[in-house]
Amino acid sequence: MHWYLQGLALEPNHIGINEYLGELYVVTSRIDLAKERLNILKSCNCEEYDELKEIIDGKKKSKY
């Protein structure tokens, strides 16, 4: 998590980092924080948004 947060400090809207951090939050039962990451990805119109949403909704398993 430390490295993800450092990456976001440099580039807050990085798609990959936001997705992976969101997944990590789901796995560690911090759904509110995962939803914050999802909200950042909302406007990207990308597969990372869809994948994180499915993981948060329980439709897909995280790779963690």
N, C-alpha and C. Protein backbone atom coordinates (compact mmCIF):
# COMPACT_ATOMS: atom_id res chain seq x y z
N MET A 1 0.82 -1.19 0.00
CA MET A 1 0.00 0.00 0.00
C MET A 1 0.87 1.25 0.00
N HIS A 2 1.96 1.19 0.71
CA HIS A 2 2.86 2.35 0.80
C HIS A 2 3.26 2.84 -0.60
N TRP A 3 3.62 1.92 -1.47
CA TRP A 3 4.08 2.31 -2.80
C TRP A 3 2.94 2.86 -3.66
N TYR A 4 1.76 2.31 -3.49
CA TYR A 4 0.60 2.85 -4.22
C TYR A 4 0.34 4.29 -3.80
N LEU A 5 0.39 4.55 -2.51
CA LEU A 5 0.15 5.90 -2.01
C LEU A 5 1.23 6.86 -2.48
N GLN A 6 2.47 6.40 -2.54
CA GLN A 6 3.54 7.26 -3.06
C GLN A 6 3.31 7.56 -4.54
N GLY A 7 2.87 6.56 -5.29
CA GLY A 7 2.58 6.77 -6.71
C GLY A 7 1.47 7.78 -6.91
N LEU A 8 0.43 7.69 -6.08
CA LEU A 8 -0.68 8.64 -6.19
C LEU A 8 -0.27 10.04 -5.78
N ALA A 9 0.71 10.15 -4.90
CA ALA A 9 1.22 11.47 -4.53
C ALA A 9 1.85 12.15 -5.75
N LEU A 10 2.43 11.36 -6.62
CA LEU A 10 3.04 11.90 -7.84
C LEU A 10 2.02 12.11 -8.95
N GLU A 11 1.08 11.18 -9.06
CA GLU A 11 0.08 11.24 -10.12
C GLU A 11 -1.27 10.76 -9.58
N PRO A 12 -2.04 11.66 -8.97
CA PRO A 12 -3.27 11.28 -8.27
C PRO A 12 -4.33 10.58 -9.11
N ASN A 13 -4.34 10.80 -10.40
CA ASN A 13 -5.37 10.20 -11.25
C ASN A 13 -4.87 8.99 -12.04
N HIS A 14 -3.75 8.43 -11.63
CA HIS A 14 -3.20 7.27 -12.35
C HIS A 14 -4.22 6.12 -12.30
N ILE A 15 -4.61 5.66 -13.47
CA ILE A 15 -5.68 4.66 -13.57
C ILE A 15 -5.30 3.34 -12.89
N GLY A 16 -4.15 2.81 -13.21
CA GLY A 16 -3.74 1.52 -12.67
C GLY A 16 -3.57 1.53 -11.17
N ILE A 17 -2.92 2.56 -10.67
CA ILE A 17 -2.70 2.63 -9.22
C ILE A 17 -4.03 2.74 -8.48
N ASN A 18 -4.93 3.55 -8.98
CA ASN A 18 -6.23 3.69 -8.33
C ASN A 18 -7.00 2.38 -8.33
N GLU A 19 -6.92 1.64 -9.42
CA GLU A 19 -7.61 0.35 -9.47
C GLU A 19 -7.00 -0.63 -8.47
N TYR A 20 -5.69 -0.78 -8.50
CA TYR A 20 -5.03 -1.74 -7.61
C TYR A 20 -5.22 -1.38 -6.15
N LEU A 21 -5.13 -0.10 -5.83
CA LEU A 21 -5.34 0.32 -4.44
C LEU A 21 -6.78 0.06 -4.02
N GLY A 22 -7.71 0.30 -4.93
CA GLY A 22 -9.11 0.00 -4.65
C GLY A 22 -9.33 -1.48 -4.36
N GLU A 23 -8.69 -2.33 -5.14
CA GLU A 23 -8.79 -3.78 -4.90
C GLU A 23 -8.21 -4.15 -3.55
N LEU A 24 -7.07 -3.56 -3.23
CA LEU A 24 -6.45 -3.83 -1.93
C LEU A 24 -7.37 -3.40 -0.79
N TYR A 25 -8.03 -2.28 -0.96
CA TYR A 25 -8.98 -1.82 0.06
C TYR A 25 -10.14 -2.80 0.21
N VAL A 26 -10.63 -3.36 -0.88
CA VAL A 26 -11.72 -4.35 -0.81
C VAL A 26 -11.26 -5.57 -0.02
N VAL A 27 -10.10 -6.07 -0.36
CA VAL A 27 -9.57 -7.27 0.29
C VAL A 27 -9.34 -7.05 1.79
N THR A 28 -9.02 -5.82 2.16
CA THR A 28 -8.77 -5.51 3.58
C THR A 28 -10.00 -4.90 4.24
N SER A 29 -11.17 -5.11 3.63
CA SER A 29 -12.48 -4.71 4.19
C SER A 29 -12.61 -3.22 4.44
N ARG A 30 -12.04 -2.43 3.55
CA ARG A 30 -12.19 -0.96 3.63
C ARG A 30 -12.94 -0.48 2.38
N ILE A 31 -14.20 -0.89 2.31
CA ILE A 31 -15.03 -0.65 1.13
C ILE A 31 -15.21 0.84 0.86
N ASP A 32 -15.36 1.65 1.90
CA ASP A 32 -15.52 3.09 1.68
C ASP A 32 -14.33 3.68 0.93
N LEU A 33 -13.12 3.25 1.31
CA LEU A 33 -11.92 3.73 0.63
C LEU A 33 -11.85 3.19 -0.80
N ALA A 34 -12.30 1.96 -1.01
CA ALA A 34 -12.33 1.39 -2.36
C ALA A 34 -13.28 2.20 -3.24
N LYS A 35 -14.40 2.60 -2.69
CA LYS A 35 -15.36 3.40 -3.45
C LYS A 35 -14.80 4.78 -3.79
N GLU A 36 -13.95 5.32 -2.95
CA GLU A 36 -13.27 6.58 -3.27
C GLU A 36 -12.39 6.41 -4.50
N ARG A 37 -11.67 5.30 -4.57
CA ARG A 37 -10.82 5.00 -5.73
C ARG A 37 -11.70 4.82 -6.97
N LEU A 38 -12.83 4.15 -6.82
CA LEU A 38 -13.76 3.94 -7.93
C LEU A 38 -14.28 5.28 -8.44
N ASN A 39 -14.58 6.17 -7.55
CA ASN A 39 -15.08 7.49 -7.93
C ASN A 39 -14.05 8.26 -8.77
N ILE A 40 -12.78 8.09 -8.45
CA ILE A 40 -11.73 8.75 -9.24
C ILE A 40 -11.69 8.17 -10.65
N LEU A 41 -11.96 6.86 -10.78
CA LEU A 41 -11.93 6.20 -12.09
C LEU A 41 -13.21 6.40 -12.90
N LYS A 42 -14.23 6.95 -12.28
CA LYS A 42 -15.56 7.04 -12.89
C LYS A 42 -15.54 7.70 -14.27
N SER A 43 -14.76 8.72 -14.45
CA SER A 43 -14.79 9.46 -15.72
C SER A 43 -13.79 8.94 -16.75
N CYS A 44 -13.05 7.89 -16.43
CA CYS A 44 -12.02 7.43 -17.36
C CYS A 44 -12.58 6.59 -18.51
N ASN A 45 -13.81 6.07 -18.34
CA ASN A 45 -14.41 5.21 -19.36
C ASN A 45 -13.42 4.10 -19.75
N CYS A 46 -12.98 3.37 -18.73
CA CYS A 46 -11.93 2.37 -18.93
C CYS A 46 -12.29 1.06 -18.25
N GLU A 47 -11.59 0.00 -18.65
CA GLU A 47 -11.85 -1.32 -18.08
C GLU A 47 -11.47 -1.40 -16.61
N GLU A 48 -10.55 -0.56 -16.17
CA GLU A 48 -10.16 -0.55 -14.76
C GLU A 48 -11.33 -0.15 -13.87
N TYR A 49 -12.14 0.79 -14.33
CA TYR A 49 -13.34 1.19 -13.58
C TYR A 49 -14.29 0.00 -13.48
N ASP A 50 -14.56 -0.63 -14.62
CA ASP A 50 -15.50 -1.75 -14.65
C ASP A 50 -15.03 -2.89 -13.75
N GLU A 51 -13.74 -3.19 -13.81
CA GLU A 51 -13.20 -4.29 -13.02
C GLU A 51 -13.30 -3.99 -11.51
N LEU A 52 -12.92 -2.80 -11.11
CA LEU A 52 -13.00 -2.44 -9.69
C LEU A 52 -14.46 -2.44 -9.22
N LYS A 53 -15.36 -1.96 -10.05
CA LYS A 53 -16.78 -1.95 -9.68
C LYS A 53 -17.29 -3.37 -9.47
N GLU A 54 -16.92 -4.28 -10.35
CA GLU A 54 -17.34 -5.68 -10.19
C GLU A 54 -16.78 -6.29 -8.92
N ILE A 55 -15.56 -5.94 -8.58
CA ILE A 55 -14.95 -6.46 -7.35
C ILE A 55 -15.65 -5.90 -6.13
N ILE A 56 -15.92 -4.61 -6.14
CA ILE A 56 -16.64 -3.99 -5.02
C ILE A 56 -18.03 -4.60 -4.87
N ASP A 57 -18.70 -4.84 -6.00
CA ASP A 57 -20.06 -5.41 -5.99
C ASP A 57 -20.07 -6.91 -5.69
N GLY A 58 -18.91 -7.53 -5.62
CA GLY A 58 -18.82 -8.96 -5.33
C GLY A 58 -19.07 -9.86 -6.53
N LYS A 59 -19.06 -9.29 -7.73
CA LYS A 59 -19.31 -10.07 -8.94
C LYS A 59 -18.04 -10.71 -9.49
N LYS A 60 -16.90 -10.24 -8.98
CA LYS A 60 -15.61 -10.73 -9.45
C LYS A 60 -14.65 -10.77 -8.28
N LYS A 61 -13.74 -11.73 -8.30
CA LYS A 61 -12.75 -11.83 -7.22
C LYS A 61 -11.54 -10.98 -7.55
N SER A 62 -10.97 -10.40 -6.53
CA SER A 62 -9.74 -9.63 -6.69
C SER A 62 -8.57 -10.57 -6.91
N LYS A 63 -7.56 -10.08 -7.58
CA LYS A 63 -6.36 -10.89 -7.78
C LYS A 63 -5.48 -10.91 -6.55
N TYR A 64 -5.86 -10.20 -5.50
CA TYR A 64 -5.07 -10.19 -4.26
C TYR A 64 -5.52 -11.30 -3.35
